[in-house]
């Protein structure tokens, strides 16, 4: 679930520096969120930091980008280059015949 910033945004500048993925940027009129970079802070924090600091509560889930936690985790791994140890570990060898 990528987040989005609605037109209620007052351009207060507090969300952009809080984004660990640098997904928030100043658009033509208000701040916007790049859905390909937004992980809702999965991998970084327990809760989306932009939502925590927004004074006008204008950062809901983008209904066109519904993603489950696993998808967000995979996006975090892709963006950071970090791979889950269990997924990166080679398969244990099977019993020898």
PDB file of N, CA and C in Angstrom:
ATOM      1  N   UNK A   1       0.843  -1.171   0.000  1.00  0.00           N
ATOM      2  CA  UNK A   1       0.000   0.000   0.000  1.00  0.00           C
ATOM      3  C   UNK A   1       0.885   1.230   0.000  1.00  0.00           C
ATOM      4  N   UNK A   2       1.029   1.821  -1.076  1.00  0.00           N
ATOM      5  CA  UNK A   2       1.743   3.083  -1.103  1.00  0.00           C
ATOM      6  C   UNK A   2       0.809   4.154  -0.546  1.00  0.00           C
ATOM      7  N   UNK A   3       1.401   5.133   0.060  1.00  0.00           N
ATOM      8  CA  UNK A   3       0.631   6.254   0.579  1.00  0.00           C
ATOM      9  C   UNK A   3       0.527   7.322  -0.493  1.00  0.00           C
ATOM     10  N   UNK A   4      -0.360   8.272  -0.255  1.00  0.00           N
ATOM     11  CA  UNK A   4      -0.511   9.404  -1.163  1.00  0.00           C
ATOM     12  C   UNK A   4      -0.774  10.649  -0.333  1.00  0.00           C
ATOM     13  N   UNK A   5      -0.503  11.790  -0.901  1.00  0.00           N
ATOM     14  CA  UNK A   5      -0.755  13.065  -0.226  1.00  0.00           C
ATOM     15  C   UNK A   5      -1.924  13.731  -0.945  1.00  0.00           C
ATOM     16  N   UNK A   6      -2.928  14.092  -0.179  1.00  0.00           N
ATOM     17  CA  UNK A   6      -4.127  14.702  -0.774  1.00  0.00           C
ATOM     18  C   UNK A   6      -3.939  16.213  -0.944  1.00  0.00           C
ATOM     19  N   UNK A   7      -4.899  16.831  -1.612  1.00  0.00           N
ATOM     20  CA  UNK A   7      -4.809  18.270  -1.856  1.00  0.00           C
ATOM     21  C   UNK A   7      -5.057  19.106  -0.602  1.00  0.00           C
ATOM     22  N   UNK A   8      -5.257  18.448   0.523  1.00  0.00           N
ATOM     23  CA  UNK A   8      -5.348  19.171   1.797  1.00  0.00           C
ATOM     24  C   UNK A   8      -3.960  19.541   2.324  1.00  0.00           C
ATOM     25  N   UNK A   9      -2.917  19.081   1.645  1.00  0.00           N
ATOM     26  CA  UNK A   9      -1.529  19.369   2.026  1.00  0.00           C
ATOM     27  C   UNK A   9      -1.312  20.881   2.082  1.00  0.00           C
ATOM     28  N   UNK A  10      -0.623  21.336   3.129  1.00  0.00           N
ATOM     29  CA  UNK A  10      -0.345  22.764   3.290  1.00  0.00           C
ATOM     30  C   UNK A  10       1.126  23.090   2.983  1.00  0.00           C
ATOM     31  N   UNK A  11       1.840  22.135   2.393  1.00  0.00           N
ATOM     32  CA  UNK A  11       3.248  22.335   2.040  1.00  0.00           C
ATOM     33  C   UNK A  11       4.087  22.804   3.223  1.00  0.00           C
ATOM     34  N   UNK A  12       3.911  22.155   4.342  1.00  0.00           N
ATOM     35  CA  UNK A  12       4.626  22.572   5.547  1.00  0.00           C
ATOM     36  C   UNK A  12       6.065  22.062   5.592  1.00  0.00           C
ATOM     37  N   UNK A  13       6.423  21.174   4.688  1.00  0.00           N
ATOM     38  CA  UNK A  13       7.793  20.680   4.548  1.00  0.00           C
ATOM     39  C   UNK A  13       8.245  19.687   5.625  1.00  0.00           C
ATOM     40  N   UNK A  14       7.351  19.184   6.460  1.00  0.00           N
ATOM     41  CA  UNK A  14       7.812  18.277   7.519  1.00  0.00           C
ATOM     42  C   UNK A  14       7.890  16.820   7.079  1.00  0.00           C
ATOM     43  N   UNK A  15       7.131  16.418   6.079  1.00  0.00           N
ATOM     44  CA  UNK A  15       7.115  15.005   5.678  1.00  0.00           C
ATOM     45  C   UNK A  15       8.329  14.603   4.859  1.00  0.00           C
ATOM     46  N   UNK A  16       8.746  15.450   3.948  1.00  0.00           N
ATOM     47  CA  UNK A  16       9.815  15.085   3.010  1.00  0.00           C
ATOM     48  C   UNK A  16      11.085  14.585   3.694  1.00  0.00           C
ATOM     49  N   UNK A  17      11.629  15.286   4.677  1.00  0.00           N
ATOM     50  CA  UNK A  17      12.871  14.793   5.293  1.00  0.00           C
ATOM     51  C   UNK A  17      12.681  13.538   6.154  1.00  0.00           C
ATOM     52  N   UNK A  18      11.450  13.210   6.502  1.00  0.00           N
ATOM     53  CA  UNK A  18      11.189  12.031   7.330  1.00  0.00           C
ATOM     54  C   UNK A  18      11.162  10.737   6.534  1.00  0.00           C
ATOM     55  N   UNK A  19      11.035  10.802   5.224  1.00  0.00           N
ATOM     56  CA  UNK A  19      10.894   9.610   4.393  1.00  0.00           C
ATOM     57  C   UNK A  19      12.243   8.917   4.208  1.00  0.00           C
ATOM     58  N   UNK A  20      12.387   7.690   4.718  1.00  0.00           N
ATOM     59  CA  UNK A  20      13.667   6.995   4.593  1.00  0.00           C
ATOM     60  C   UNK A  20      13.960   6.517   3.168  1.00  0.00           C
ATOM     61  N   UNK A  21      12.942   6.474   2.317  1.00  0.00           N
ATOM     62  CA  UNK A  21      13.121   6.015   0.940  1.00  0.00           C
ATOM     63  C   UNK A  21      13.206   7.156  -0.061  1.00  0.00           C
ATOM     64  N   UNK A  22      13.147   8.384   0.403  1.00  0.00           N
ATOM     65  CA  UNK A  22      13.151   9.567  -0.447  1.00  0.00           C
ATOM     66  C   UNK A  22      12.040   9.493  -1.502  1.00  0.00           C
ATOM     67  N   UNK A  23      10.873   9.003  -1.055  1.00  0.00           N
ATOM     68  CA  UNK A  23       9.719   8.863  -1.946  1.00  0.00           C
ATOM     69  C   UNK A  23       8.900  10.141  -2.023  1.00  0.00           C
ATOM     70  N   UNK A  24       9.105  11.065  -1.096  1.00  0.00           N
ATOM     71  CA  UNK A  24       8.306  12.296  -1.058  1.00  0.00           C
ATOM     72  C   UNK A  24       9.077  13.427  -1.732  1.00  0.00           C
ATOM     73  N   UNK A  25       8.385  14.134  -2.597  1.00  0.00           N
ATOM     74  CA  UNK A  25       9.007  15.244  -3.317  1.00  0.00           C
ATOM     75  C   UNK A  25       7.965  16.342  -3.526  1.00  0.00           C
ATOM     76  N   UNK A  26       8.439  17.552  -3.754  1.00  0.00           N
ATOM     77  CA  UNK A  26       7.537  18.681  -3.996  1.00  0.00           C
ATOM     78  C   UNK A  26       7.075  18.642  -5.443  1.00  0.00           C
ATOM     79  N   UNK A  27       5.771  18.450  -5.623  1.00  0.00           N
ATOM     80  CA  UNK A  27       5.182  18.436  -6.953  1.00  0.00           C
ATOM     81  C   UNK A  27       4.875  19.853  -7.404  1.00  0.00           C
ATOM     82  N   UNK A  28       4.109  20.001  -8.478  1.00  0.00           N
ATOM     83  CA  UNK A  28       3.780  21.334  -8.995  1.00  0.00           C
ATOM     84  C   UNK A  28       3.006  22.203  -8.002  1.00  0.00           C
ATOM     85  N   UNK A  29       2.153  21.563  -7.175  1.00  0.00           N
ATOM     86  CA  UNK A  29       1.344  22.340  -6.235  1.00  0.00           C
ATOM     87  C   UNK A  29       1.531  21.910  -4.787  1.00  0.00           C
ATOM     88  N   UNK A  30       1.648  20.604  -4.554  1.00  0.00           N
ATOM     89  CA  UNK A  30       1.782  20.065  -3.197  1.00  0.00           C
ATOM     90  C   UNK A  30       2.836  18.960  -3.212  1.00  0.00           C
ATOM     91  N   UNK A  31       3.171  18.491  -2.027  1.00  0.00           N
ATOM     92  CA  UNK A  31       4.082  17.354  -1.955  1.00  0.00           C
ATOM     93  C   UNK A  31       3.393  16.123  -2.522  1.00  0.00           C
ATOM     94  N   UNK A  32       4.175  15.244  -3.108  1.00  0.00           N
ATOM     95  CA  UNK A  32       3.663  14.021  -3.693  1.00  0.00           C
ATOM     96  C   UNK A  32       4.521  12.854  -3.238  1.00  0.00           C
ATOM     97  N   UNK A  33       3.998  11.645  -3.387  1.00  0.00           N
ATOM     98  CA  UNK A  33       4.720  10.435  -3.003  1.00  0.00           C
ATOM     99  C   UNK A  33       4.870   9.547  -4.229  1.00  0.00           C
ATOM    100  N   UNK A  34       6.101   9.131  -4.494  1.00  0.00           N
ATOM    101  CA  UNK A  34       6.370   8.193  -5.583  1.00  0.00           C
ATOM    102  C   UNK A  34       5.976   6.800  -5.084  1.00  0.00           C
ATOM    103  N   UNK A  35       4.905   6.213  -5.621  1.00  0.00           N
ATOM    104  CA  UNK A  35       4.433   4.926  -5.112  1.00  0.00           C
ATOM    105  C   UNK A  35       5.426   3.786  -5.326  1.00  0.00           C
ATOM    106  N   UNK A  36       6.341   3.942  -6.268  1.00  0.00           N
ATOM    107  CA  UNK A  36       7.336   2.901  -6.501  1.00  0.00           C
ATOM    108  C   UNK A  36       8.433   2.909  -5.440  1.00  0.00           C
ATOM    109  N   UNK A  37       8.522   3.994  -4.679  1.00  0.00           N
ATOM    110  CA  UNK A  37       9.518   4.088  -3.608  1.00  0.00           C
ATOM    111  C   UNK A  37       8.899   3.981  -2.220  1.00  0.00           C
ATOM    112  N   UNK A  38       7.587   4.157  -2.108  1.00  0.00           N
ATOM    113  CA  UNK A  38       6.928   4.151  -0.804  1.00  0.00           C
ATOM    114  C   UNK A  38       6.726   2.724  -0.303  1.00  0.00           C
ATOM    115  N   UNK A  39       7.275   2.440   0.873  1.00  0.00           N
ATOM    116  CA  UNK A  39       7.081   1.140   1.526  1.00  0.00           C
ATOM    117  C   UNK A  39       6.287   1.295   2.816  1.00  0.00           C
ATOM    118  N   UNK A  40       5.695   2.459   3.012  1.00  0.00           N
ATOM    119  CA  UNK A  40       5.015   2.783   4.268  1.00  0.00           C
ATOM    120  C   UNK A  40       5.958   2.585   5.445  1.00  0.00           C
ATOM    121  N   UNK A  41       7.225   2.789   5.193  1.00  0.00           N
ATOM    122  CA  UNK A  41       8.308   2.663   6.172  1.00  0.00           C
ATOM    123  C   UNK A  41       8.568   1.230   6.615  1.00  0.00           C
ATOM    124  N   UNK A  42       7.954   0.243   5.952  1.00  0.00           N
ATOM    125  CA  UNK A  42       8.258  -1.158   6.248  1.00  0.00           C
ATOM    126  C   UNK A  42       9.758  -1.352   6.024  1.00  0.00           C
ATOM    127  N   UNK A  43      10.416  -1.988   6.984  1.00  0.00           N
ATOM    128  CA  UNK A  43      11.852  -2.196   6.924  1.00  0.00           C
ATOM    129  C   UNK A  43      12.634  -1.122   7.654  1.00  0.00           C
ATOM    130  N   UNK A  44      12.003   0.014   7.872  1.00  0.00           N
ATOM    131  CA  UNK A  44      12.658   1.124   8.557  1.00  0.00           C
ATOM    132  C   UNK A  44      12.029   1.408   9.921  1.00  0.00           C
ATOM    133  N   UNK A  45      10.712   1.537   9.943  1.00  0.00           N
ATOM    134  CA  UNK A  45       9.981   1.917  11.154  1.00  0.00           C
ATOM    135  C   UNK A  45       8.696   1.105  11.269  1.00  0.00           C
ATOM    136  N   UNK A  46       8.088   1.119  12.438  1.00  0.00           N
ATOM    137  CA  UNK A  46       6.830   0.405  12.656  1.00  0.00           C
ATOM    138  C   UNK A  46       5.638   1.108  12.022  1.00  0.00           C
ATOM    139  N   UNK A  47       5.735   2.426  11.878  1.00  0.00           N
ATOM    140  CA  UNK A  47       4.643   3.207  11.306  1.00  0.00           C
ATOM    141  C   UNK A  47       5.202   4.204  10.297  1.00  0.00           C
ATOM    142  N   UNK A  48       4.411   4.574   9.298  1.00  0.00           N
ATOM    143  CA  UNK A  48       4.880   5.566   8.330  1.00  0.00           C
ATOM    144  C   UNK A  48       5.219   6.890   9.023  1.00  0.00           C
ATOM    145  N   UNK A  49       6.431   7.337   8.831  1.00  0.00           N
ATOM    146  CA  UNK A  49       6.893   8.547   9.502  1.00  0.00           C
ATOM    147  C   UNK A  49       6.210   9.807   8.982  1.00  0.00           C
ATOM    148  N   UNK A  50       5.884   9.845   7.701  1.00  0.00           N
ATOM    149  CA  UNK A  50       5.216  11.030   7.165  1.00  0.00           C
ATOM    150  C   UNK A  50       3.842  11.215   7.801  1.00  0.00           C
ATOM    151  N   UNK A  51       3.144  10.110   8.013  1.00  0.00           N
ATOM    152  CA  UNK A  51       1.824  10.162   8.643  1.00  0.00           C
ATOM    153  C   UNK A  51       1.966  10.659  10.086  1.00  0.00           C
ATOM    154  N   UNK A  52       3.025  10.230  10.756  1.00  0.00           N
ATOM    155  CA  UNK A  52       3.245  10.625  12.146  1.00  0.00           C
ATOM    156  C   UNK A  52       3.454  12.132  12.298  1.00  0.00           C
ATOM    157  N   UNK A  53       4.136  12.751  11.340  1.00  0.00           N
ATOM    158  CA  UNK A  53       4.470  14.171  11.485  1.00  0.00           C
ATOM    159  C   UNK A  53       3.500  15.121  10.785  1.00  0.00           C
ATOM    160  N   UNK A  54       2.627  14.611   9.945  1.00  0.00           N
ATOM    161  CA  UNK A  54       1.731  15.477   9.180  1.00  0.00           C
ATOM    162  C   UNK A  54       0.734  16.199  10.096  1.00  0.00           C
ATOM    163  N   UNK A  55       0.744  17.534  10.089  1.00  0.00           N
ATOM    164  CA  UNK A  55      -0.154  18.277  10.975  1.00  0.00           C
ATOM    165  C   UNK A  55      -1.605  18.339  10.506  1.00  0.00           C
ATOM    166  N   UNK A  56      -1.870  17.989   9.242  1.00  0.00           N
ATOM    167  CA  UNK A  56      -3.234  18.082   8.736  1.00  0.00           C
ATOM    168  C   UNK A  56      -3.823  16.733   8.337  1.00  0.00           C
ATOM    169  N   UNK A  57      -3.137  15.660   8.639  1.00  0.00           N
ATOM    170  CA  UNK A  57      -3.627  14.296   8.361  1.00  0.00           C
ATOM    171  C   UNK A  57      -4.092  14.136   6.917  1.00  0.00           C
ATOM    172  N   UNK A  58      -3.194  14.445   5.986  1.00  0.00           N
ATOM    173  CA  UNK A  58      -3.561  14.378   4.566  1.00  0.00           C
ATOM    174  C   UNK A  58      -2.797  13.279   3.821  1.00  0.00           C
ATOM    175  N   UNK A  59      -2.374  12.221   4.554  1.00  0.00           N
ATOM    176  CA  UNK A  59      -1.592  11.166   3.913  1.00  0.00           C
ATOM    177  C   UNK A  59      -2.260   9.805   4.140  1.00  0.00           C
ATOM    178  N   UNK A  60      -3.265   9.484   3.320  1.00  0.00           N
ATOM    179  CA  UNK A  60      -3.933   8.182   3.425  1.00  0.00           C
ATOM    180  C   UNK A  60      -3.253   7.140   2.522  1.00  0.00           C
ATOM    181  N   UNK A  61      -3.743   5.918   2.610  1.00  0.00           N
ATOM    182  CA  UNK A  61      -3.313   4.864   1.694  1.00  0.00           C
ATOM    183  C   UNK A  61      -3.859   5.189   0.313  1.00  0.00           C
ATOM    184  N   UNK A  62      -3.039   5.006  -0.691  1.00  0.00           N
ATOM    185  CA  UNK A  62      -3.456   5.230  -2.069  1.00  0.00           C
ATOM    186  C   UNK A  62      -4.326   4.051  -2.502  1.00  0.00           C
ATOM    187  N   UNK A  63      -5.622   4.257  -2.763  1.00  0.00           N
ATOM    188  CA  UNK A  63      -6.504   3.139  -3.112  1.00  0.00           C
ATOM    189  C   UNK A  63      -6.136   2.454  -4.423  1.00  0.00           C
ATOM    190  N   UNK A  64      -5.333   3.104  -5.240  1.00  0.00           N
ATOM    191  CA  UNK A  64      -4.907   2.500  -6.500  1.00  0.00           C
ATOM    192  C   UNK A  64      -3.609   1.714  -6.359  1.00  0.00           C
ATOM    193  N   UNK A  65      -3.017   1.729  -5.162  1.00  0.00           N
ATOM    194  CA  UNK A  65      -1.751   1.027  -4.926  1.00  0.00           C
ATOM    195  C   UNK A  65      -1.821   0.190  -3.650  1.00  0.00           C
ATOM    196  N   UNK A  66      -2.808  -0.674  -3.552  1.00  0.00           N
ATOM    197  CA  UNK A  66      -2.960  -1.530  -2.386  1.00  0.00           C
ATOM    198  C   UNK A  66      -1.908  -2.635  -2.456  1.00  0.00           C
ATOM    199  N   UNK A  67      -1.048  -2.700  -1.433  1.00  0.00           N
ATOM    200  CA  UNK A  67       0.001  -3.707  -1.362  1.00  0.00           C
ATOM    201  C   UNK A  67       0.005  -4.302   0.044  1.00  0.00           C
ATOM    202  N   UNK A  68       0.233  -5.611   0.145  1.00  0.00           N
ATOM    203  CA  UNK A  68       0.295  -6.228   1.471  1.00  0.00           C
ATOM    204  C   UNK A  68       1.693  -6.041   2.060  1.00  0.00           C
ATOM    205  N   UNK A  69       1.835  -6.414   3.310  1.00  0.00           N
ATOM    206  CA  UNK A  69       3.108  -6.201   4.012  1.00  0.00           C
ATOM    207  C   UNK A  69       4.259  -6.935   3.323  1.00  0.00           C
ATOM    208  N   UNK A  70       4.012  -8.126   2.819  1.00  0.00           N
ATOM    209  CA  UNK A  70       5.062  -8.888   2.131  1.00  0.00           C
ATOM    210  C   UNK A  70       5.539  -8.150   0.883  1.00  0.00           C
ATOM    211  N   UNK A  71       4.618  -7.592   0.129  1.00  0.00           N
ATOM    212  CA  UNK A  71       4.979  -6.827  -1.069  1.00  0.00           C
ATOM    213  C   UNK A  71       5.791  -5.591  -0.687  1.00  0.00           C
ATOM    214  N   UNK A  72       5.378  -4.913   0.390  1.00  0.00           N
ATOM    215  CA  UNK A  72       6.121  -3.744   0.864  1.00  0.00           C
ATOM    216  C   UNK A  72       7.519  -4.149   1.311  1.00  0.00           C
ATOM    217  N   UNK A  73       7.636  -5.302   1.969  1.00  0.00           N
ATOM    218  CA  UNK A  73       8.939  -5.803   2.425  1.00  0.00           C
ATOM    219  C   UNK A  73       9.837  -6.087   1.220  1.00  0.00           C
ATOM    220  N   UNK A  74       9.279  -6.700   0.194  1.00  0.00           N
ATOM    221  CA  UNK A  74      10.053  -6.989  -1.014  1.00  0.00           C
ATOM    222  C   UNK A  74      10.503  -5.685  -1.692  1.00  0.00           C
ATOM    223  N   UNK A  75       9.630  -4.683  -1.694  1.00  0.00           N
ATOM    224  CA  UNK A  75       9.990  -3.384  -2.271  1.00  0.00           C
ATOM    225  C   UNK A  75      11.128  -2.753  -1.466  1.00  0.00           C
ATOM    226  N   UNK A  76      11.039  -2.839  -0.127  1.00  0.00           N
ATOM    227  CA  UNK A  76      12.109  -2.330   0.748  1.00  0.00           C
ATOM    228  C   UNK A  76      13.432  -3.011   0.401  1.00  0.00           C
ATOM    229  N   UNK A  77      13.403  -4.332   0.259  1.00  0.00           N
ATOM    230  CA  UNK A  77      14.625  -5.078  -0.061  1.00  0.00           C
ATOM    231  C   UNK A  77      15.193  -4.649  -1.413  1.00  0.00           C
ATOM    232  N   UNK A  78      14.333  -4.460  -2.402  1.00  0.00           N
ATOM    233  CA  UNK A  78      14.769  -4.030  -3.724  1.00  0.00           C
ATOM    234  C   UNK A  78      15.390  -2.634  -3.667  1.00  0.00           C
ATOM    235  N   UNK A  79      14.749  -1.737  -2.936  1.00  0.00           N
ATOM    236  CA  UNK A  79      15.237  -0.360  -2.858  1.00  0.00           C
ATOM    237  C   UNK A  79      16.543  -0.228  -2.093  1.00  0.00           C
ATOM    238  N   UNK A  80      16.713  -1.038  -1.062  1.00  0.00           N
ATOM    239  CA  UNK A  80      17.895  -0.916  -0.207  1.00  0.00           C
ATOM    240  C   UNK A  80      19.011  -1.882  -0.573  1.00  0.00           C
ATOM    241  N   UNK A  81      18.690  -2.883  -1.389  1.00  0.00           N
ATOM    242  CA  UNK A  81      19.685  -3.889  -1.724  1.00  0.00           C
ATOM    243  C   UNK A  81      19.897  -4.896  -0.607  1.00  0.00           C
ATOM    244  N   UNK A  82      19.049  -4.837   0.423  1.00  0.00           N
ATOM    245  CA  UNK A  82      19.145  -5.772   1.537  1.00  0.00           C
ATOM    246  C   UNK A  82      18.271  -6.974   1.231  1.00  0.00           C
ATOM    247  N   UNK A  83      18.818  -8.134   1.471  1.00  0.00           N
ATOM    248  CA  UNK A  83      18.084  -9.362   1.200  1.00  0.00           C
ATOM    249  C   UNK A  83      17.900 -10.108   2.506  1.00  0.00           C
ATOM    250  N   UNK A  84      16.714 -10.625   2.704  1.00  0.00           N
ATOM    251  CA  UNK A  84      16.405 -11.427   3.884  1.00  0.00           C
ATOM    252  C   UNK A  84      17.370 -12.604   3.944  1.00  0.00           C
ATOM    253  N   UNK A  85      18.015 -12.822   5.101  1.00  0.00           N
ATOM    254  CA  UNK A  85      18.987 -13.902   5.257  1.00  0.00           C
ATOM    255  C   UNK A  85      18.403 -15.249   4.876  1.00  0.00           C
ATOM    256  N   UNK A  86      17.171 -15.514   5.266  1.00  0.00           N
ATOM    257  CA  UNK A  86      16.554 -16.798   4.961  1.00  0.00           C
ATOM    258  C   UNK A  86      16.364 -16.973   3.460  1.00  0.00           C
ATOM    259  N   UNK A  87      16.033 -15.900   2.783  1.00  0.00           N
ATOM    260  CA  UNK A  87      15.829 -15.983   1.342  1.00  0.00           C
ATOM    261  C   UNK A  87      17.152 -16.070   0.601  1.00  0.00           C
ATOM    262  N   UNK A  88      18.199 -15.483   1.187  1.00  0.00           N
ATOM    263  CA  UNK A  88      19.507 -15.455   0.516  1.00  0.00           C
ATOM    264  C   UNK A  88      20.320 -16.713   0.788  1.00  0.00           C
ATOM    265  N   UNK A  89      20.014 -17.405   1.872  1.00  0.00           N
ATOM    266  CA  UNK A  89      20.793 -18.587   2.230  1.00  0.00           C
ATOM    267  C   UNK A  89      20.557 -19.709   1.221  1.00  0.00           C
ATOM    268  N   UNK A  90      21.645 -20.388   0.835  1.00  0.00           N
ATOM    269  CA  UNK A  90      21.456 -21.502  -0.090  1.00  0.00           C
ATOM    270  C   UNK A  90      20.684 -22.616   0.601  1.00  0.00           C
ATOM    271  N   UNK A  91      19.972 -23.378  -0.170  1.00  0.00           N
ATOM    272  CA  UNK A  91      19.196 -24.497   0.379  1.00  0.00           C
ATOM    273  C   UNK A  91      20.148 -25.513   0.995  1.00  0.00           C
ATOM    274  N   UNK A  92      19.728 -26.069   2.114  1.00  0.00           N
ATOM    275  CA  UNK A  92      20.540 -27.096   2.768  1.00  0.00           C
ATOM    276  C   UNK A  92      20.574 -28.326   1.868  1.00  0.00           C
ATOM    277  N   UNK A  93      21.721 -28.975   1.802  1.00  0.00           N
ATOM    278  CA  UNK A  93      21.794 -30.171   0.970  1.00  0.00           C
ATOM    279  C   UNK A  93      20.903 -31.269   1.526  1.00  0.00           C
ATOM    280  N   UNK A  94      20.305 -32.015   0.643  1.00  0.00           N
ATOM    281  CA  UNK A  94      19.442 -33.124   1.054  1.00  0.00           C
ATOM    282  C   UNK A  94      20.270 -34.323   1.514  1.00  0.00           C
ATOM    283  N   UNK A  95      19.609 -35.337   1.992  1.00  0.00           N
ATOM    284  CA  UNK A  95      20.327 -36.521   2.451  1.00  0.00           C
ATOM    285  C   UNK A  95      21.104 -37.155   1.287  1.00  0.00           C
ATOM    286  N   UNK A  96      22.277 -37.574   1.606  1.00  0.00           N
ATOM    287  CA  UNK A  96      23.129 -38.220   0.620  1.00  0.00           C
ATOM    288  C   UNK A  96      22.664 -39.662   0.398  1.00  0.00           C
ATOM    289  N   UNK A  97      22.619 -40.118  -0.818  1.00  0.00           N
ATOM    290  CA  UNK A  97      22.209 -41.492  -1.104  1.00  0.00           C
ATOM    291  C   UNK A  97      23.414 -42.347  -1.303  1.00  0.00           C
TER     292      UNK A  97
END
